[in-house]
């Protein structure tokens, strides 16, 4: 699924961050951005670029596949459906 829903992406980022028990300020600082920018992503005000998103995911101990699974979870979809559909 393409990441085109800023609100769902924001919820997924917030969920990943909370699962790591990290503050927004800590993640933002480590990712080289302001807490305000990360807040905008988490609240779904704007979509991050891939170069902005990857450091955040790395800090959260996640990758794009993990993000997709959490996006599916946030949107009420079965995270395993991609593997079943692709035969993997």
PDB file of N, CA and C in Angstrom:
ATOM      1  N   UNK A   1       0.857  -1.181   0.000  1.00  0.00           N
ATOM      2  CA  UNK A   1       0.000   0.000   0.000  1.00  0.00           C
ATOM      3  C   UNK A   1       0.895   1.234   0.000  1.00  0.00           C
ATOM      4  N   UNK A   2       0.685   2.164  -0.908  1.00  0.00           N
ATOM      5  CA  UNK A   2       1.468   3.393  -0.878  1.00  0.00           C
ATOM      6  C   UNK A   2       1.121   4.211   0.366  1.00  0.00           C
ATOM      7  N   UNK A   3       2.131   4.898   0.852  1.00  0.00           N
ATOM      8  CA  UNK A   3       1.903   5.748   2.020  1.00  0.00           C
ATOM      9  C   UNK A   3       1.401   7.089   1.505  1.00  0.00           C
ATOM     10  N   UNK A   4       0.086   7.239   1.494  1.00  0.00           N
ATOM     11  CA  UNK A   4      -0.495   8.489   1.011  1.00  0.00           C
ATOM     12  C   UNK A   4      -1.480   9.083   2.014  1.00  0.00           C
ATOM     13  N   UNK A   5      -1.609   8.462   3.155  1.00  0.00           N
ATOM     14  CA  UNK A   5      -2.513   8.951   4.175  1.00  0.00           C
ATOM     15  C   UNK A   5      -1.686   9.467   5.344  1.00  0.00           C
ATOM     16  N   UNK A   6      -1.544  10.769   5.426  1.00  0.00           N
ATOM     17  CA  UNK A   6      -0.695  11.386   6.444  1.00  0.00           C
ATOM     18  C   UNK A   6      -1.177  11.078   7.853  1.00  0.00           C
ATOM     19  N   UNK A   7      -2.486  10.993   8.065  1.00  0.00           N
ATOM     20  CA  UNK A   7      -3.014  10.727   9.402  1.00  0.00           C
ATOM     21  C   UNK A   7      -2.654   9.307   9.838  1.00  0.00           C
ATOM     22  N   UNK A   8      -2.830   8.331   8.967  1.00  0.00           N
ATOM     23  CA  UNK A   8      -2.476   6.948   9.304  1.00  0.00           C
ATOM     24  C   UNK A   8      -0.981   6.816   9.542  1.00  0.00           C
ATOM     25  N   UNK A   9      -0.182   7.462   8.706  1.00  0.00           N
ATOM     26  CA  UNK A   9       1.262   7.419   8.900  1.00  0.00           C
ATOM     27  C   UNK A   9       1.637   8.032  10.240  1.00  0.00           C
ATOM     28  N   UNK A  10       1.014   9.133  10.576  1.00  0.00           N
ATOM     29  CA  UNK A  10       1.295   9.780  11.854  1.00  0.00           C
ATOM     30  C   UNK A  10       0.948   8.889  13.024  1.00  0.00           C
ATOM     31  N   UNK A  11      -0.182   8.216  12.951  1.00  0.00           N
ATOM     32  CA  UNK A  11      -0.574   7.293  14.016  1.00  0.00           C
ATOM     33  C   UNK A  11       0.422   6.140  14.112  1.00  0.00           C
ATOM     34  N   UNK A  12       0.878   5.656  12.968  1.00  0.00           N
ATOM     35  CA  UNK A  12       1.842   4.551  12.961  1.00  0.00           C
ATOM     36  C   UNK A  12       3.168   4.990  13.580  1.00  0.00           C
ATOM     37  N   UNK A  13       3.640   6.176  13.235  1.00  0.00           N
ATOM     38  CA  UNK A  13       4.886   6.682  13.813  1.00  0.00           C
ATOM     39  C   UNK A  13       4.754   6.868  15.325  1.00  0.00           C
ATOM     40  N   UNK A  14       3.635   7.404  15.743  1.00  0.00           N
ATOM     41  CA  UNK A  14       3.393   7.591  17.176  1.00  0.00           C
ATOM     42  C   UNK A  14       3.381   6.247  17.897  1.00  0.00           C
ATOM     43  N   UNK A  15       2.734   5.262  17.305  1.00  0.00           N
ATOM     44  CA  UNK A  15       2.668   3.936  17.902  1.00  0.00           C
ATOM     45  C   UNK A  15       4.055   3.310  17.996  1.00  0.00           C
ATOM     46  N   UNK A  16       4.838   3.394  16.927  1.00  0.00           N
ATOM     47  CA  UNK A  16       6.204   2.862  16.963  1.00  0.00           C
ATOM     48  C   UNK A  16       7.033   3.556  18.043  1.00  0.00           C
ATOM     49  N   UNK A  17       6.898   4.863  18.140  1.00  0.00           N
ATOM     50  CA  UNK A  17       7.665   5.627  19.135  1.00  0.00           C
ATOM     51  C   UNK A  17       7.236   5.253  20.549  1.00  0.00           C
ATOM     52  N   UNK A  18       5.940   5.144  20.768  1.00  0.00           N
ATOM     53  CA  UNK A  18       5.459   4.821  22.118  1.00  0.00           C
ATOM     54  C   UNK A  18       5.859   3.408  22.516  1.00  0.00           C
ATOM     55  N   UNK A  19       5.920   2.496  21.559  1.00  0.00           N
ATOM     56  CA  UNK A  19       6.343   1.124  21.861  1.00  0.00           C
ATOM     57  C   UNK A  19       7.807   1.067  22.299  1.00  0.00           C
ATOM     58  N   UNK A  20       8.580   2.050  21.897  1.00  0.00           N
ATOM     59  CA  UNK A  20       9.993   2.144  22.301  1.00  0.00           C
ATOM     60  C   UNK A  20      10.164   3.016  23.543  1.00  0.00           C
ATOM     61  N   UNK A  21       9.055   3.552  24.043  1.00  0.00           N
ATOM     62  CA  UNK A  21       9.091   4.429  25.214  1.00  0.00           C
ATOM     63  C   UNK A  21      10.044   5.608  25.025  1.00  0.00           C
ATOM     64  N   UNK A  22      10.004   6.198  23.849  1.00  0.00           N
ATOM     65  CA  UNK A  22      10.833   7.363  23.539  1.00  0.00           C
ATOM     66  C   UNK A  22       9.962   8.597  23.424  1.00  0.00           C
ATOM     67  N   UNK A  23      10.516   9.714  23.850  1.00  0.00           N
ATOM     68  CA  UNK A  23       9.783  10.968  23.708  1.00  0.00           C
ATOM     69  C   UNK A  23       9.955  11.509  22.296  1.00  0.00           C
ATOM     70  N   UNK A  24       9.036  12.339  21.919  1.00  0.00           N
ATOM     71  CA  UNK A  24       9.111  12.994  20.618  1.00  0.00           C
ATOM     72  C   UNK A  24      10.391  13.814  20.522  1.00  0.00           C
ATOM     73  N   UNK A  25      10.729  14.518  21.593  1.00  0.00           N
ATOM     74  CA  UNK A  25      11.936  15.349  21.598  1.00  0.00           C
ATOM     75  C   UNK A  25      13.192  14.523  21.390  1.00  0.00           C
ATOM     76  N   UNK A  26      13.267  13.387  22.052  1.00  0.00           N
ATOM     77  CA  UNK A  26      14.444  12.517  21.924  1.00  0.00           C
ATOM     78  C   UNK A  26      14.591  12.016  20.495  1.00  0.00           C
ATOM     79  N   UNK A  27      13.514  11.508  19.933  1.00  0.00           N
ATOM     80  CA  UNK A  27      13.556  10.983  18.566  1.00  0.00           C
ATOM     81  C   UNK A  27      13.896  12.095  17.583  1.00  0.00           C
ATOM     82  N   UNK A  28      13.264  13.236  17.737  1.00  0.00           N
ATOM     83  CA  UNK A  28      13.515  14.350  16.824  1.00  0.00           C
ATOM     84  C   UNK A  28      14.982  14.776  16.880  1.00  0.00           C
ATOM     85  N   UNK A  29      15.504  14.917  18.080  1.00  0.00           N
ATOM     86  CA  UNK A  29      16.892  15.337  18.225  1.00  0.00           C
ATOM     87  C   UNK A  29      17.841  14.331  17.571  1.00  0.00           C
ATOM     88  N   UNK A  30      17.608  13.057  17.831  1.00  0.00           N
ATOM     89  CA  UNK A  30      18.469  12.014  17.264  1.00  0.00           C
ATOM     90  C   UNK A  30      18.350  11.944  15.742  1.00  0.00           C
ATOM     91  N   UNK A  31      17.180  12.295  15.211  1.00  0.00           N
ATOM     92  CA  UNK A  31      16.949  12.259  13.761  1.00  0.00           C
ATOM     93  C   UNK A  31      17.370  13.553  13.075  1.00  0.00           C
ATOM     94  N   UNK A  32      17.792  14.536  13.862  1.00  0.00           N
ATOM     95  CA  UNK A  32      18.249  15.792  13.272  1.00  0.00           C
ATOM     96  C   UNK A  32      17.132  16.696  12.801  1.00  0.00           C
ATOM     97  N   UNK A  33      16.016  16.649  13.513  1.00  0.00           N
ATOM     98  CA  UNK A  33      14.900  17.523  13.163  1.00  0.00           C
ATOM     99  C   UNK A  33      14.341  18.138  14.434  1.00  0.00           C
ATOM    100  N   UNK A  34      13.479  19.095  14.287  1.00  0.00           N
ATOM    101  CA  UNK A  34      12.874  19.713  15.463  1.00  0.00           C
ATOM    102  C   UNK A  34      11.710  18.863  15.959  1.00  0.00           C
ATOM    103  N   UNK A  35      11.432  18.932  17.255  1.00  0.00           N
ATOM    104  CA  UNK A  35      10.251  18.235  17.765  1.00  0.00           C
ATOM    105  C   UNK A  35       8.966  18.707  17.071  1.00  0.00           C
ATOM    106  N   UNK A  36       8.933  19.956  16.670  1.00  0.00           N
ATOM    107  CA  UNK A  36       7.765  20.492  15.969  1.00  0.00           C
ATOM    108  C   UNK A  36       7.557  19.780  14.631  1.00  0.00           C
ATOM    109  N   UNK A  37       8.641  19.502  13.918  1.00  0.00           N
ATOM    110  CA  UNK A  37       8.542  18.801  12.630  1.00  0.00           C
ATOM    111  C   UNK A  37       8.027  17.382  12.853  1.00  0.00           C
ATOM    112  N   UNK A  38       8.614  16.673  13.830  1.00  0.00           N
ATOM    113  CA  UNK A  38       8.157  15.308  14.117  1.00  0.00           C
ATOM    114  C   UNK A  38       6.700  15.317  14.571  1.00  0.00           C
ATOM    115  N   UNK A  39       6.335  16.313  15.339  1.00  0.00           N
ATOM    116  CA  UNK A  39       4.945  16.449  15.775  1.00  0.00           C
ATOM    117  C   UNK A  39       4.018  16.603  14.572  1.00  0.00           C
ATOM    118  N   UNK A  40       4.441  17.370  13.587  1.00  0.00           N
ATOM    119  CA  UNK A  40       3.626  17.563  12.376  1.00  0.00           C
ATOM    120  C   UNK A  40       3.436  16.240  11.644  1.00  0.00           C
ATOM    121  N   UNK A  41       4.484  15.425  11.602  1.00  0.00           N
ATOM    122  CA  UNK A  41       4.360  14.100  10.976  1.00  0.00           C
ATOM    123  C   UNK A  41       3.400  13.227  11.780  1.00  0.00           C
ATOM    124  N   UNK A  42       3.584  13.205  13.094  1.00  0.00           N
ATOM    125  CA  UNK A  42       2.759  12.338  13.940  1.00  0.00           C
ATOM    126  C   UNK A  42       1.292  12.766  13.966  1.00  0.00           C
ATOM    127  N   UNK A  43       1.034  14.038  13.810  1.00  0.00           N
ATOM    128  CA  UNK A  43      -0.357  14.512  13.813  1.00  0.00           C
ATOM    129  C   UNK A  43      -0.989  14.446  12.434  1.00  0.00           C
ATOM    130  N   UNK A  44      -0.219  14.027  11.435  1.00  0.00           N
ATOM    131  CA  UNK A  44      -0.757  13.884  10.090  1.00  0.00           C
ATOM    132  C   UNK A  44      -0.926  15.191   9.355  1.00  0.00           C
ATOM    133  N   UNK A  45      -0.199  16.215   9.779  1.00  0.00           N
ATOM    134  CA  UNK A  45      -0.285  17.509   9.111  1.00  0.00           C
ATOM    135  C   UNK A  45       0.453  17.468   7.778  1.00  0.00           C
ATOM    136  N   UNK A  46       1.529  16.706   7.738  1.00  0.00           N
ATOM    137  CA  UNK A  46       2.274  16.578   6.487  1.00  0.00           C
ATOM    138  C   UNK A  46       2.955  15.214   6.442  1.00  0.00           C
ATOM    139  N   UNK A  47       3.291  14.788   5.232  1.00  0.00           N
ATOM    140  CA  UNK A  47       4.005  13.537   5.025  1.00  0.00           C
ATOM    141  C   UNK A  47       5.505  13.817   4.998  1.00  0.00           C
ATOM    142  N   UNK A  48       6.298  13.000   5.678  1.00  0.00           N
ATOM    143  CA  UNK A  48       7.746  13.190   5.614  1.00  0.00           C
ATOM    144  C   UNK A  48       8.296  12.674   4.285  1.00  0.00           C
ATOM    145  N   UNK A  49       9.396  13.260   3.871  1.00  0.00           N
ATOM    146  CA  UNK A  49      10.102  12.711   2.718  1.00  0.00           C
ATOM    147  C   UNK A  49      10.805  11.436   3.167  1.00  0.00           C
ATOM    148  N   UNK A  50      11.191  10.596   2.236  1.00  0.00           N
ATOM    149  CA  UNK A  50      11.895   9.380   2.588  1.00  0.00           C
ATOM    150  C   UNK A  50      13.201   9.685   3.328  1.00  0.00           C
ATOM    151  N   UNK A  51      13.991  10.692   2.887  1.00  0.00           N
ATOM    152  CA  UNK A  51      15.206  11.013   3.643  1.00  0.00           C
ATOM    153  C   UNK A  51      14.931  11.495   5.074  1.00  0.00           C
ATOM    154  N   UNK A  52      13.751  12.008   5.348  1.00  0.00           N
ATOM    155  CA  UNK A  52      13.381  12.392   6.713  1.00  0.00           C
ATOM    156  C   UNK A  52      12.842  11.215   7.503  1.00  0.00           C
ATOM    157  N   UNK A  53      12.163  10.314   6.819  1.00  0.00           N
ATOM    158  CA  UNK A  53      11.512   9.189   7.473  1.00  0.00           C
ATOM    159  C   UNK A  53      12.501   8.103   7.905  1.00  0.00           C
ATOM    160  N   UNK A  54      13.471   7.804   7.074  1.00  0.00           N
ATOM    161  CA  UNK A  54      14.392   6.703   7.356  1.00  0.00           C
ATOM    162  C   UNK A  54      15.143   6.883   8.673  1.00  0.00           C
ATOM    163  N   UNK A  55      15.708   8.063   8.982  1.00  0.00           N
ATOM    164  CA  UNK A  55      16.377   8.196  10.276  1.00  0.00           C
ATOM    165  C   UNK A  55      15.439   8.005  11.464  1.00  0.00           C
ATOM    166  N   UNK A  56      14.218   8.456  11.336  1.00  0.00           N
ATOM    167  CA  UNK A  56      13.237   8.272  12.410  1.00  0.00           C
ATOM    168  C   UNK A  56      12.986   6.780  12.622  1.00  0.00           C
ATOM    169  N   UNK A  57      12.767   6.063  11.543  1.00  0.00           N
ATOM    170  CA  UNK A  57      12.535   4.622  11.653  1.00  0.00           C
ATOM    171  C   UNK A  57      13.746   3.910  12.243  1.00  0.00           C
ATOM    172  N   UNK A  58      14.934   4.310  11.830  1.00  0.00           N
ATOM    173  CA  UNK A  58      16.158   3.698  12.356  1.00  0.00           C
ATOM    174  C   UNK A  58      16.251   3.893  13.863  1.00  0.00           C
ATOM    175  N   UNK A  59      15.979   5.082  14.328  1.00  0.00           N
ATOM    176  CA  UNK A  59      16.000   5.378  15.764  1.00  0.00           C
ATOM    177  C   UNK A  59      14.964   4.539  16.498  1.00  0.00           C
ATOM    178  N   UNK A  60      13.855   4.283  15.839  1.00  0.00           N
ATOM    179  CA  UNK A  60      12.790   3.493  16.441  1.00  0.00           C
ATOM    180  C   UNK A  60      13.025   1.984  16.297  1.00  0.00           C
ATOM    181  N   UNK A  61      14.182   1.626  15.735  1.00  0.00           N
ATOM    182  CA  UNK A  61      14.501   0.213  15.567  1.00  0.00           C
ATOM    183  C   UNK A  61      13.608  -0.468  14.557  1.00  0.00           C
ATOM    184  N   UNK A  62      13.170   0.288  13.562  1.00  0.00           N
ATOM    185  CA  UNK A  62      12.219  -0.207  12.570  1.00  0.00           C
ATOM    186  C   UNK A  62      12.733   0.067  11.167  1.00  0.00           C
ATOM    187  N   UNK A  63      12.056  -0.530  10.212  1.00  0.00           N
ATOM    188  CA  UNK A  63      12.340  -0.259   8.809  1.00  0.00           C
ATOM    189  C   UNK A  63      11.010  -0.052   8.083  1.00  0.00           C
ATOM    190  N   UNK A  64      11.072   0.077   6.775  1.00  0.00           N
ATOM    191  CA  UNK A  64       9.848   0.350   6.019  1.00  0.00           C
ATOM    192  C   UNK A  64       8.848  -0.807   6.101  1.00  0.00           C
ATOM    193  N   UNK A  65       9.342  -2.030   6.203  1.00  0.00           N
ATOM    194  CA  UNK A  65       8.433  -3.169   6.329  1.00  0.00           C
ATOM    195  C   UNK A  65       7.696  -3.117   7.675  1.00  0.00           C
ATOM    196  N   UNK A  66       8.437  -2.798   8.741  1.00  0.00           N
ATOM    197  CA  UNK A  66       7.799  -2.647  10.053  1.00  0.00           C
ATOM    198  C   UNK A  66       6.751  -1.541  10.011  1.00  0.00           C
ATOM    199  N   UNK A  67       7.110  -0.441   9.365  1.00  0.00           N
ATOM    200  CA  UNK A  67       6.176   0.678   9.247  1.00  0.00           C
ATOM    201  C   UNK A  67       4.908   0.236   8.518  1.00  0.00           C
ATOM    202  N   UNK A  68       5.076  -0.525   7.435  1.00  0.00           N
ATOM    203  CA  UNK A  68       3.906  -0.997   6.692  1.00  0.00           C
ATOM    204  C   UNK A  68       3.023  -1.876   7.564  1.00  0.00           C
ATOM    205  N   UNK A  69       3.640  -2.740   8.373  1.00  0.00           N
ATOM    206  CA  UNK A  69       2.853  -3.592   9.274  1.00  0.00           C
ATOM    207  C   UNK A  69       2.064  -2.758  10.278  1.00  0.00           C
ATOM    208  N   UNK A  70       2.696  -1.722  10.821  1.00  0.00           N
ATOM    209  CA  UNK A  70       2.001  -0.871  11.792  1.00  0.00           C
ATOM    210  C   UNK A  70       0.939  -0.027  11.089  1.00  0.00           C
ATOM    211  N   UNK A  71       1.212   0.413   9.871  1.00  0.00           N
ATOM    212  CA  UNK A  71       0.178   1.122   9.101  1.00  0.00           C
ATOM    213  C   UNK A  71      -1.035   0.223   8.904  1.00  0.00           C
ATOM    214  N   UNK A  72      -0.788  -1.039   8.552  1.00  0.00           N
ATOM    215  CA  UNK A  72      -1.895  -1.979   8.386  1.00  0.00           C
ATOM    216  C   UNK A  72      -2.667  -2.126   9.696  1.00  0.00           C
ATOM    217  N   UNK A  73      -1.929  -2.223  10.791  1.00  0.00           N
ATOM    218  CA  UNK A  73      -2.560  -2.347  12.113  1.00  0.00           C
ATOM    219  C   UNK A  73      -3.427  -1.131  12.417  1.00  0.00           C
ATOM    220  N   UNK A  74      -2.889   0.052  12.174  1.00  0.00           N
ATOM    221  CA  UNK A  74      -3.611   1.296  12.430  1.00  0.00           C
ATOM    222  C   UNK A  74      -4.879   1.371  11.581  1.00  0.00           C
ATOM    223  N   UNK A  75      -4.787   0.872  10.350  1.00  0.00           N
ATOM    224  CA  UNK A  75      -5.932   0.941   9.443  1.00  0.00           C
ATOM    225  C   UNK A  75      -6.844  -0.280   9.563  1.00  0.00           C
ATOM    226  N   UNK A  76      -6.544  -1.159  10.534  1.00  0.00           N
ATOM    227  CA  UNK A  76      -7.411  -2.307  10.776  1.00  0.00           C
ATOM    228  C   UNK A  76      -7.277  -3.412   9.752  1.00  0.00           C
ATOM    229  N   UNK A  77      -6.132  -3.479   9.086  1.00  0.00           N
ATOM    230  CA  UNK A  77      -5.897  -4.515   8.082  1.00  0.00           C
ATOM    231  C   UNK A  77      -5.023  -5.608   8.666  1.00  0.00           C
ATOM    232  N   UNK A  78      -5.043  -6.774   8.051  1.00  0.00           N
ATOM    233  CA  UNK A  78      -4.208  -7.888   8.482  1.00  0.00           C
ATOM    234  C   UNK A  78      -2.795  -7.681   7.954  1.00  0.00           C
ATOM    235  N   UNK A  79      -1.794  -7.487   8.845  1.00  0.00           N
ATOM    236  CA  UNK A  79      -0.429  -7.257   8.389  1.00  0.00           C
ATOM    237  C   UNK A  79       0.137  -8.383   7.544  1.00  0.00           C
ATOM    238  N   UNK A  80      -0.322  -9.616   7.724  1.00  0.00           N
ATOM    239  CA  UNK A  80       0.208 -10.748   6.978  1.00  0.00           C
ATOM    240  C   UNK A  80      -0.370 -10.893   5.590  1.00  0.00           C
ATOM    241  N   UNK A  81      -1.299 -10.043   5.215  1.00  0.00           N
ATOM    242  CA  UNK A  81      -1.973 -10.219   3.931  1.00  0.00           C
ATOM    243  C   UNK A  81      -1.037 -10.045   2.753  1.00  0.00           C
ATOM    244  N   UNK A  82       0.003  -9.227   2.880  1.00  0.00           N
ATOM    245  CA  UNK A  82       0.945  -9.021   1.777  1.00  0.00           C
ATOM    246  C   UNK A  82       1.720 -10.298   1.490  1.00  0.00           C
ATOM    247  N   UNK A  83       2.202 -10.983   2.546  1.00  0.00           N
ATOM    248  CA  UNK A  83       2.952 -12.214   2.353  1.00  0.00           C
ATOM    249  C   UNK A  83       2.083 -13.282   1.694  1.00  0.00           C
ATOM    250  N   UNK A  84       0.835 -13.360   2.160  1.00  0.00           N
ATOM    251  CA  UNK A  84      -0.077 -14.347   1.590  1.00  0.00           C
ATOM    252  C   UNK A  84      -0.375 -14.032   0.129  1.00  0.00           C
ATOM    253  N   UNK A  85      -0.524 -12.771  -0.204  1.00  0.00           N
ATOM    254  CA  UNK A  85      -0.843 -12.374  -1.562  1.00  0.00           C
ATOM    255  C   UNK A  85       0.342 -12.579  -2.500  1.00  0.00           C
ATOM    256  N   UNK A  86       1.568 -12.390  -1.971  1.00  0.00           N
ATOM    257  CA  UNK A  86       2.745 -12.494  -2.823  1.00  0.00           C
ATOM    258  C   UNK A  86       3.310 -13.899  -2.830  1.00  0.00           C
ATOM    259  N   UNK A  87       2.804 -14.777  -1.965  1.00  0.00           N
ATOM    260  CA  UNK A  87       3.285 -16.151  -1.919  1.00  0.00           C
ATOM    261  C   UNK A  87       4.539 -16.322  -1.095  1.00  0.00           C
ATOM    262  N   UNK A  88       4.944 -15.317  -0.334  1.00  0.00           N
ATOM    263  CA  UNK A  88       6.150 -15.405   0.499  1.00  0.00           C
ATOM    264  C   UNK A  88       5.831 -15.833   1.897  1.00  0.00           C
TER     265      UNK A  88
END
